[in-house]
Amino acid sequence: MGAVNIKLYDLLKTDFHLSDKKAMEFAQAIQEIAVSEAKNESHNYKSELKEDMLRLEIKMEQNKSELLLKWFIGLFVALALMIIGLYIKK
């Protein structure tokens, strides 16, 4: 039993006048509920974090493809202007 569980056991035994067995069962039940609630909350946070990371990865891929397209168009225009400039110079 942890320190908090021992304090709860003592509180239940003295203030609520429960027997040793009943106080122990009640303290253990409360501990089990608290642990299961904490695991549930932890699982919820993990799933939300995974969803956020997935959205971020998708957004990064979209930005990467947009950037590549902009560079491709910019280089194509610059190359086309150089070729046209060479033909006009002759």
PDB file of N, CA and C in Angstrom:
ATOM      1  N   MET A   1       0.842  -1.191   0.000  1.00  0.00           N
ATOM      2  CA  MET A   1       0.000   0.000   0.000  1.00  0.00           C
ATOM      3  C   MET A   1       0.877   1.241   0.000  1.00  0.00           C
ATOM      4  N   GLY A   2       0.453   2.240  -0.796  1.00  0.00           N
ATOM      5  CA  GLY A   2       1.190   3.488  -0.844  1.00  0.00           C
ATOM      6  C   GLY A   2       0.865   4.368   0.346  1.00  0.00           C
ATOM      7  N   ALA A   3       1.616   5.443   0.471  1.00  0.00           N
ATOM      8  CA  ALA A   3       1.438   6.361   1.601  1.00  0.00           C
ATOM      9  C   ALA A   3       0.042   6.988   1.598  1.00  0.00           C
ATOM     10  N   VAL A   4      -0.418   7.364   0.430  1.00  0.00           N
ATOM     11  CA  VAL A   4      -1.749   7.979   0.334  1.00  0.00           C
ATOM     12  C   VAL A   4      -2.815   6.959   0.682  1.00  0.00           C
ATOM     13  N   ASN A   5      -2.619   5.734   0.225  1.00  0.00           N
ATOM     14  CA  ASN A   5      -3.581   4.676   0.511  1.00  0.00           C
ATOM     15  C   ASN A   5      -3.629   4.365   2.002  1.00  0.00           C
ATOM     16  N   ILE A   6      -2.490   4.413   2.673  1.00  0.00           N
ATOM     17  CA  ILE A   6      -2.446   4.176   4.132  1.00  0.00           C
ATOM     18  C   ILE A   6      -3.173   5.296   4.863  1.00  0.00           C
ATOM     19  N   LYS A   7      -2.975   6.541   4.440  1.00  0.00           N
ATOM     20  CA  LYS A   7      -3.675   7.668   5.071  1.00  0.00           C
ATOM     21  C   LYS A   7      -5.184   7.549   4.872  1.00  0.00           C
ATOM     22  N   LEU A   8      -5.590   7.141   3.667  1.00  0.00           N
ATOM     23  CA  LEU A   8      -7.021   6.955   3.407  1.00  0.00           C
ATOM     24  C   LEU A   8      -7.577   5.829   4.268  1.00  0.00           C
ATOM     25  N   TYR A   9      -6.826   4.756   4.386  1.00  0.00           N
ATOM     26  CA  TYR A   9      -7.232   3.626   5.231  1.00  0.00           C
ATOM     27  C   TYR A   9      -7.421   4.084   6.681  1.00  0.00           C
ATOM     28  N   ASP A  10      -6.455   4.839   7.186  1.00  0.00           N
ATOM     29  CA  ASP A  10      -6.560   5.329   8.566  1.00  0.00           C
ATOM     30  C   ASP A  10      -7.761   6.262   8.734  1.00  0.00           C
ATOM     31  N   LEU A  11      -7.990   7.121   7.761  1.00  0.00           N
ATOM     32  CA  LEU A  11      -9.123   8.042   7.814  1.00  0.00           C
ATOM     33  C   LEU A  11     -10.439   7.278   7.828  1.00  0.00           C
ATOM     34  N   LEU A  12     -10.560   6.301   6.961  1.00  0.00           N
ATOM     35  CA  LEU A  12     -11.790   5.514   6.911  1.00  0.00           C
ATOM     36  C   LEU A  12     -12.009   4.734   8.207  1.00  0.00           C
ATOM     37  N   LYS A  13     -10.936   4.230   8.750  1.00  0.00           N
ATOM     38  CA  LYS A  13     -11.031   3.407   9.967  1.00  0.00           C
ATOM     39  C   LYS A  13     -11.414   4.249  11.184  1.00  0.00           C
ATOM     40  N   THR A  14     -10.776   5.415  11.320  1.00  0.00           N
ATOM     41  CA  THR A  14     -11.013   6.217  12.526  1.00  0.00           C
ATOM     42  C   THR A  14     -12.224   7.137  12.401  1.00  0.00           C
ATOM     43  N   ASP A  15     -12.295   7.910  11.331  1.00  0.00           N
ATOM     44  CA  ASP A  15     -13.364   8.910  11.233  1.00  0.00           C
ATOM     45  C   ASP A  15     -14.711   8.305  10.842  1.00  0.00           C
ATOM     46  N   PHE A  16     -14.695   7.295   9.984  1.00  0.00           N
ATOM     47  CA  PHE A  16     -15.955   6.702   9.542  1.00  0.00           C
ATOM     48  C   PHE A  16     -16.304   5.418  10.299  1.00  0.00           C
ATOM     49  N   HIS A  17     -15.443   5.027  11.231  1.00  0.00           N
ATOM     50  CA  HIS A  17     -15.665   3.888  12.118  1.00  0.00           C
ATOM     51  C   HIS A  17     -15.961   2.601  11.332  1.00  0.00           C
ATOM     52  N   LEU A  18     -15.159   2.357  10.326  1.00  0.00           N
ATOM     53  CA  LEU A  18     -15.281   1.114   9.556  1.00  0.00           C
ATOM     54  C   LEU A  18     -14.339   0.067  10.143  1.00  0.00           C
ATOM     55  N   SER A  19     -14.679  -1.172   9.906  1.00  0.00           N
ATOM     56  CA  SER A  19     -13.798  -2.244  10.378  1.00  0.00           C
ATOM     57  C   SER A  19     -12.539  -2.262   9.510  1.00  0.00           C
ATOM     58  N   ASP A  20     -11.523  -2.984   9.988  1.00  0.00           N
ATOM     59  CA  ASP A  20     -10.255  -3.052   9.246  1.00  0.00           C
ATOM     60  C   ASP A  20     -10.473  -3.571   7.827  1.00  0.00           C
ATOM     61  N   LYS A  21     -11.241  -4.637   7.730  1.00  0.00           N
ATOM     62  CA  LYS A  21     -11.464  -5.256   6.420  1.00  0.00           C
ATOM     63  C   LYS A  21     -12.208  -4.308   5.486  1.00  0.00           C
ATOM     64  N   LYS A  22     -13.276  -3.691   5.968  1.00  0.00           N
ATOM     65  CA  LYS A  22     -14.076  -2.770   5.138  1.00  0.00           C
ATOM     66  C   LYS A  22     -13.255  -1.545   4.728  1.00  0.00           C
ATOM     67  N   ALA A  23     -12.474  -1.003   5.655  1.00  0.00           N
ATOM     68  CA  ALA A  23     -11.637   0.162   5.343  1.00  0.00           C
ATOM     69  C   ALA A  23     -10.589  -0.194   4.296  1.00  0.00           C
ATOM     70  N   MET A  24      -9.994  -1.373   4.402  1.00  0.00           N
ATOM     71  CA  MET A  24      -8.995  -1.823   3.443  1.00  0.00           C
ATOM     72  C   MET A  24      -9.620  -2.011   2.060  1.00  0.00           C
ATOM     73  N   GLU A  25     -10.790  -2.658   2.010  1.00  0.00           N
ATOM     74  CA  GLU A  25     -11.476  -2.884   0.734  1.00  0.00           C
ATOM     75  C   GLU A  25     -11.849  -1.563   0.073  1.00  0.00           C
ATOM     76  N   PHE A  26     -12.373  -0.635   0.884  1.00  0.00           N
ATOM     77  CA  PHE A  26     -12.788   0.656   0.345  1.00  0.00           C
ATOM     78  C   PHE A  26     -11.588   1.440  -0.191  1.00  0.00           C
ATOM     79  N   ALA A  27     -10.491   1.444   0.549  1.00  0.00           N
ATOM     80  CA  ALA A  27      -9.275   2.155   0.109  1.00  0.00           C
ATOM     81  C   ALA A  27      -8.717   1.535  -1.169  1.00  0.00           C
ATOM     82  N   GLN A  28      -8.730   0.212  -1.258  1.00  0.00           N
ATOM     83  CA  GLN A  28      -8.243  -0.455  -2.469  1.00  0.00           C
ATOM     84  C   GLN A  28      -9.146  -0.180  -3.667  1.00  0.00           C
ATOM     85  N   ALA A  29     -10.453  -0.144  -3.432  1.00  0.00           N
ATOM     86  CA  ALA A  29     -11.397   0.152  -4.518  1.00  0.00           C
ATOM     87  C   ALA A  29     -11.171   1.561  -5.059  1.00  0.00           C
ATOM     88  N   ILE A  30     -10.977   2.501  -4.150  1.00  0.00           N
ATOM     89  CA  ILE A  30     -10.719   3.886  -4.579  1.00  0.00           C
ATOM     90  C   ILE A  30      -9.409   3.964  -5.358  1.00  0.00           C
ATOM     91  N   GLN A  31      -8.399   3.233  -4.896  1.00  0.00           N
ATOM     92  CA  GLN A  31      -7.109   3.237  -5.603  1.00  0.00           C
ATOM     93  C   GLN A  31      -7.263   2.640  -7.001  1.00  0.00           C
ATOM     94  N   GLU A  32      -7.994   1.546  -7.137  1.00  0.00           N
ATOM     95  CA  GLU A  32      -8.199   0.918  -8.442  1.00  0.00           C
ATOM     96  C   GLU A  32      -8.933   1.859  -9.397  1.00  0.00           C
ATOM     97  N   ILE A  33      -9.927   2.560  -8.885  1.00  0.00           N
ATOM     98  CA  ILE A  33     -10.674   3.506  -9.716  1.00  0.00           C
ATOM     99  C   ILE A  33      -9.761   4.642 -10.164  1.00  0.00           C
ATOM    100  N   ALA A  34      -8.956   5.160  -9.253  1.00  0.00           N
ATOM    101  CA  ALA A  34      -8.053   6.263  -9.595  1.00  0.00           C
ATOM    102  C   ALA A  34      -7.032   5.825 -10.645  1.00  0.00           C
ATOM    103  N   VAL A  35      -6.501   4.622 -10.510  1.00  0.00           N
ATOM    104  CA  VAL A  35      -5.519   4.124 -11.477  1.00  0.00           C
ATOM    105  C   VAL A  35      -6.167   3.934 -12.839  1.00  0.00           C
ATOM    106  N   SER A  36      -7.366   3.362 -12.875  1.00  0.00           N
ATOM    107  CA  SER A  36      -8.029   3.152 -14.167  1.00  0.00           C
ATOM    108  C   SER A  36      -8.379   4.484 -14.826  1.00  0.00           C
ATOM    109  N   GLU A  37      -8.802   5.479 -14.036  1.00  0.00           N
ATOM    110  CA  GLU A  37      -9.095   6.813 -14.586  1.00  0.00           C
ATOM    111  C   GLU A  37      -7.835   7.454 -15.157  1.00  0.00           C
ATOM    112  N   ALA A  38      -6.721   7.305 -14.453  1.00  0.00           N
ATOM    113  CA  ALA A  38      -5.458   7.877 -14.929  1.00  0.00           C
ATOM    114  C   ALA A  38      -5.023   7.216 -16.233  1.00  0.00           C
ATOM    115  N   LYS A  39      -5.171   5.899 -16.327  1.00  0.00           N
ATOM    116  CA  LYS A  39      -4.819   5.191 -17.565  1.00  0.00           C
ATOM    117  C   LYS A  39      -5.713   5.640 -18.709  1.00  0.00           C
ATOM    118  N   ASN A  40      -6.988   5.835 -18.421  1.00  0.00           N
ATOM    119  CA  ASN A  40      -7.935   6.294 -19.440  1.00  0.00           C
ATOM    120  C   ASN A  40      -7.547   7.671 -19.958  1.00  0.00           C
ATOM    121  N   GLU A  41      -7.249   8.581 -19.052  1.00  0.00           N
ATOM    122  CA  GLU A  41      -6.844   9.928 -19.437  1.00  0.00           C
ATOM    123  C   GLU A  41      -5.560   9.899 -20.248  1.00  0.00           C
ATOM    124  N   SER A  42      -4.626   9.075 -19.828  1.00  0.00           N
ATOM    125  CA  SER A  42      -3.349   8.952 -20.531  1.00  0.00           C
ATOM    126  C   SER A  42      -3.579   8.442 -21.943  1.00  0.00           C
ATOM    127  N   HIS A  43      -4.450   7.473 -22.089  1.00  0.00           N
ATOM    128  CA  HIS A  43      -4.755   6.926 -23.419  1.00  0.00           C
ATOM    129  C   HIS A  43      -5.398   7.994 -24.304  1.00  0.00           C
ATOM    130  N   ASN A  44      -6.309   8.795 -23.729  1.00  0.00           N
ATOM    131  CA  ASN A  44      -6.961   9.856 -24.494  1.00  0.00           C
ATOM    132  C   ASN A  44      -5.940  10.888 -24.991  1.00  0.00           C
ATOM    133  N   TYR A  45      -5.004  11.277 -24.117  1.00  0.00           N
ATOM    134  CA  TYR A  45      -3.997  12.247 -24.512  1.00  0.00           C
ATOM    135  C   TYR A  45      -3.090  11.695 -25.595  1.00  0.00           C
ATOM    136  N   LYS A  46      -2.741  10.400 -25.488  1.00  0.00           N
ATOM    137  CA  LYS A  46      -1.880   9.781 -26.498  1.00  0.00           C
ATOM    138  C   LYS A  46      -2.568   9.753 -27.849  1.00  0.00           C
ATOM    139  N   SER A  47      -3.851   9.414 -27.885  1.00  0.00           N
ATOM    140  CA  SER A  47      -4.560   9.349 -29.160  1.00  0.00           C
ATOM    141  C   SER A  47      -4.713  10.743 -29.766  1.00  0.00           C
ATOM    142  N   GLU A  48      -4.963  11.758 -28.935  1.00  0.00           N
ATOM    143  CA  GLU A  48      -5.054  13.123 -29.446  1.00  0.00           C
ATOM    144  C   GLU A  48      -3.711  13.595 -29.988  1.00  0.00           C
ATOM    145  N   LEU A  49      -2.648  13.232 -29.310  1.00  0.00           N
ATOM    146  CA  LEU A  49      -1.309  13.608 -29.770  1.00  0.00           C
ATOM    147  C   LEU A  49      -0.993  12.948 -31.106  1.00  0.00           C
ATOM    148  N   LYS A  50      -1.359  11.680 -31.258  1.00  0.00           N
ATOM    149  CA  LYS A  50      -1.127  10.988 -32.525  1.00  0.00           C
ATOM    150  C   LYS A  50      -1.899  11.648 -33.659  1.00  0.00           C
ATOM    151  N   GLU A  51      -3.140  12.049 -33.400  1.00  0.00           N
ATOM    152  CA  GLU A  51      -3.944  12.727 -34.423  1.00  0.00           C
ATOM    153  C   GLU A  51      -3.309  14.055 -34.815  1.00  0.00           C
ATOM    154  N   ASP A  52      -2.847  14.809 -33.831  1.00  0.00           N
ATOM    155  CA  ASP A  52      -2.204  16.092 -34.120  1.00  0.00           C
ATOM    156  C   ASP A  52      -0.926  15.909 -34.932  1.00  0.00           C
ATOM    157  N   MET A  53      -0.139  14.904 -34.591  1.00  0.00           N
ATOM    158  CA  MET A  53       1.098  14.639 -35.333  1.00  0.00           C
ATOM    159  C   MET A  53       0.785  14.232 -36.774  1.00  0.00           C
ATOM    160  N   LEU A  54      -0.259  13.443 -36.967  1.00  0.00           N
ATOM    161  CA  LEU A  54      -0.648  13.032 -38.314  1.00  0.00           C
ATOM    162  C   LEU A  54      -1.074  14.238 -39.144  1.00  0.00           C
ATOM    163  N   ARG A  55      -1.873  15.123 -38.548  1.00  0.00           N
ATOM    164  CA  ARG A  55      -2.286  16.342 -39.257  1.00  0.00           C
ATOM    165  C   ARG A  55      -1.074  17.202 -39.615  1.00  0.00           C
ATOM    166  N   LEU A  56      -0.118  17.293 -38.710  1.00  0.00           N
ATOM    167  CA  LEU A  56       1.087  18.076 -38.955  1.00  0.00           C
ATOM    168  C   LEU A  56       1.900  17.478 -40.098  1.00  0.00           C
ATOM    169  N   GLU A  57       2.035  16.160 -40.130  1.00  0.00           N
ATOM    170  CA  GLU A  57       2.771  15.507 -41.207  1.00  0.00           C
ATOM    171  C   GLU A  57       2.101  15.745 -42.553  1.00  0.00           C
ATOM    172  N   ILE A  58       0.778  15.665 -42.595  1.00  0.00           N
ATOM    173  CA  ILE A  58       0.046  15.902 -43.839  1.00  0.00           C
ATOM    174  C   ILE A  58       0.246  17.333 -44.310  1.00  0.00           C
ATOM    175  N   LYS A  59       0.169  18.281 -43.381  1.00  0.00           N
ATOM    176  CA  LYS A  59       0.350  19.684 -43.729  1.00  0.00           C
ATOM    177  C   LYS A  59       1.768  19.943 -44.238  1.00  0.00           C
ATOM    178  N   MET A  60       2.765  19.289 -43.627  1.00  0.00           N
ATOM    179  CA  MET A  60       4.151  19.461 -44.067  1.00  0.00           C
ATOM    180  C   MET A  60       4.333  18.908 -45.484  1.00  0.00           C
ATOM    181  N   GLU A  61       3.715  17.777 -45.786  1.00  0.00           N
ATOM    182  CA  GLU A  61       3.815  17.203 -47.134  1.00  0.00           C
ATOM    183  C   GLU A  61       3.163  18.126 -48.155  1.00  0.00           C
ATOM    184  N   GLN A  62       2.032  18.714 -47.805  1.00  0.00           N
ATOM    185  CA  GLN A  62       1.364  19.641 -48.729  1.00  0.00           C
ATOM    186  C   GLN A  62       2.239  20.860 -48.987  1.00  0.00           C
ATOM    187  N   ASN A  63       2.829  21.418 -47.940  1.00  0.00           N
ATOM    188  CA  ASN A  63       3.689  22.588 -48.102  1.00  0.00           C
ATOM    189  C   ASN A  63       4.923  22.249 -48.927  1.00  0.00           C
ATOM    190  N   LYS A  64       5.456  21.057 -48.742  1.00  0.00           N
ATOM    191  CA  LYS A  64       6.639  20.628 -49.482  1.00  0.00           C
ATOM    192  C   LYS A  64       6.319  20.529 -50.966  1.00  0.00           C
ATOM    193  N   SER A  65       5.180  19.945 -51.322  1.00  0.00           N
ATOM    194  CA  SER A  65       4.822  19.809 -52.729  1.00  0.00           C
ATOM    195  C   SER A  65       4.529  21.181 -53.350  1.00  0.00           C
ATOM    196  N   GLU A  66       3.909  22.087 -52.609  1.00  0.00           N
ATOM    197  CA  GLU A  66       3.649  23.432 -53.116  1.00  0.00           C
ATOM    198  C   GLU A  66       4.964  24.176 -53.369  1.00  0.00           C
ATOM    199  N   LEU A  67       5.917  24.027 -52.461  1.00  0.00           N
ATOM    200  CA  LEU A  67       7.207  24.689 -52.606  1.00  0.00           C
ATOM    201  C   LEU A  67       7.963  24.163 -53.824  1.00  0.00           C
ATOM    202  N   LEU A  68       7.946  22.851 -54.023  1.00  0.00           N
ATOM    203  CA  LEU A  68       8.605  22.275 -55.186  1.00  0.00           C
ATOM    204  C   LEU A  68       7.977  22.771 -56.484  1.00  0.00           C
ATOM    205  N   LEU A  69       6.673  22.884 -56.504  1.00  0.00           N
ATOM    206  CA  LEU A  69       5.980  23.380 -57.696  1.00  0.00           C
ATOM    207  C   LEU A  69       6.364  24.830 -57.980  1.00  0.00           C
ATOM    208  N   LYS A  70       6.449  25.648 -56.956  1.00  0.00           N
ATOM    209  CA  LYS A  70       6.837  27.051 -57.141  1.00  0.00           C
ATOM    210  C   LYS A  70       8.257  27.159 -57.684  1.00  0.00           C
ATOM    211  N   TRP A  71       9.183  26.352 -57.139  1.00  0.00           N
ATOM    212  CA  TRP A  71      10.564  26.373 -57.628  1.00  0.00           C
ATOM    213  C   TRP A  71      10.625  25.893 -59.077  1.00  0.00           C
ATOM    214  N   PHE A  72       9.878  24.867 -59.404  1.00  0.00           N
ATOM    215  CA  PHE A  72       9.873  24.342 -60.758  1.00  0.00           C
ATOM    216  C   PHE A  72       9.388  25.401 -61.746  1.00  0.00           C
ATOM    217  N   ILE A  73       8.297  26.068 -61.412  1.00  0.00           N
ATOM    218  CA  ILE A  73       7.764  27.111 -62.301  1.00  0.00           C
ATOM    219  C   ILE A  73       8.741  28.270 -62.413  1.00  0.00           C
ATOM    220  N   GLY A  74       9.322  28.679 -61.306  1.00  0.00           N
ATOM    221  CA  GLY A  74      10.278  29.789 -61.338  1.00  0.00           C
ATOM    222  C   GLY A  74      11.495  29.472 -62.187  1.00  0.00           C
ATOM    223  N   LEU A  75      12.049  28.280 -62.021  1.00  0.00           N
ATOM    224  CA  LEU A  75      13.213  27.898 -62.831  1.00  0.00           C
ATOM    225  C   LEU A  75      12.840  27.732 -64.292  1.00  0.00           C
ATOM    226  N   PHE A  76      11.664  27.217 -64.588  1.00  0.00           N
ATOM    227  CA  PHE A  76      11.223  27.061 -65.966  1.00  0.00           C
ATOM    228  C   PHE A  76      11.085  28.428 -66.645  1.00  0.00           C
ATOM    229  N   VAL A  77      10.496  29.394 -65.961  1.00  0.00           N
ATOM    230  CA  VAL A  77      10.334  30.738 -66.524  1.00  0.00           C
ATOM    231  C   VAL A  77      11.706  31.370 -66.758  1.00  0.00           C
ATOM    232  N   ALA A  78      12.613  31.247 -65.790  1.00  0.00           N
ATOM    233  CA  ALA A  78      13.951  31.828 -65.950  1.00  0.00           C
ATOM    234  C   ALA A  78      14.688  31.181 -67.121  1.00  0.00           C
ATOM    235  N   LEU A  79      14.604  29.875 -67.258  1.00  0.00           N
ATOM    236  CA  LEU A  79      15.248  29.174 -68.361  1.00  0.00           C
ATOM    237  C   LEU A  79      14.633  29.577 -69.696  1.00  0.00           C
ATOM    238  N   ALA A  80      13.319  29.703 -69.745  1.00  0.00           N
ATOM    239  CA  ALA A  80      12.649  30.112 -70.981  1.00  0.00           C
ATOM    240  C   ALA A  80      13.076  31.522 -71.377  1.00  0.00           C
ATOM    241  N   LEU A  81      13.195  32.421 -70.415  1.00  0.00           N
ATOM    242  CA  LEU A  81      13.627  33.788 -70.718  1.00  0.00           C
ATOM    243  C   LEU A  81      15.063  33.811 -71.221  1.00  0.00           C
ATOM    244  N   MET A  82      15.921  32.961 -70.667  1.00  0.00           N
ATOM    245  CA  MET A  82      17.311  32.908 -71.144  1.00  0.00           C
ATOM    246  C   MET A  82      17.367  32.400 -72.578  1.00  0.00           C
ATOM    247  N   ILE A  83      16.596  31.380 -72.888  1.00  0.00           N
ATOM    248  CA  ILE A  83      16.586  30.846 -74.252  1.00  0.00           C
ATOM    249  C   ILE A  83      16.044  31.885 -75.232  1.00  0.00           C
ATOM    250  N   ILE A  84      14.968  32.558 -74.859  1.00  0.00           N
ATOM    251  CA  ILE A  84      14.403  33.596 -75.736  1.00  0.00           C
ATOM    252  C   ILE A  84      15.422  34.719 -75.908  1.00  0.00           C
ATOM    253  N   GLY A  85      16.119  35.083 -74.850  1.00  0.00           N
ATOM    254  CA  GLY A  85      17.151  36.142 -74.940  1.00  0.00           C
ATOM    255  C   GLY A  85      18.281  35.750 -75.873  1.00  0.00           C
ATOM    256  N   LEU A  86      18.669  34.488 -75.880  1.00  0.00           N
ATOM    257  CA  LEU A  86      19.713  34.024 -76.788  1.00  0.00           C
ATOM    258  C   LEU A  86      19.262  34.101 -78.239  1.00  0.00           C
ATOM    259  N   TYR A  87      18.017  33.754 -78.540  1.00  0.00           N
ATOM    260  CA  TYR A  87      17.515  33.814 -79.901  1.00  0.00           C
ATOM    261  C   TYR A  87      17.372  35.252 -80.383  1.00  0.00           C
ATOM    262  N   ILE A  88      16.974  36.156 -79.494  1.00  0.00           N
ATOM    263  CA  ILE A  88      16.815  37.570 -79.890  1.00  0.00           C
ATOM    264  C   ILE A  88      18.177  38.202 -80.137  1.00  0.00           C
ATOM    265  N   LYS A  89      19.170  37.811 -79.407  1.00  0.00           N
ATOM    266  CA  LYS A  89      20.513  38.402 -79.543  1.00  0.00           C
ATOM    267  C   LYS A  89      21.116  38.107 -80.896  1.00  0.00           C
ATOM    268  N   LYS A  90      20.820  36.998 -81.517  1.00  0.00           N
ATOM    269  CA  LYS A  90      21.394  36.628 -82.807  1.00  0.00           C
ATOM    270  C   LYS A  90      20.904  37.466 -83.880  1.00  0.00           C
TER     271      LYS A  90
END
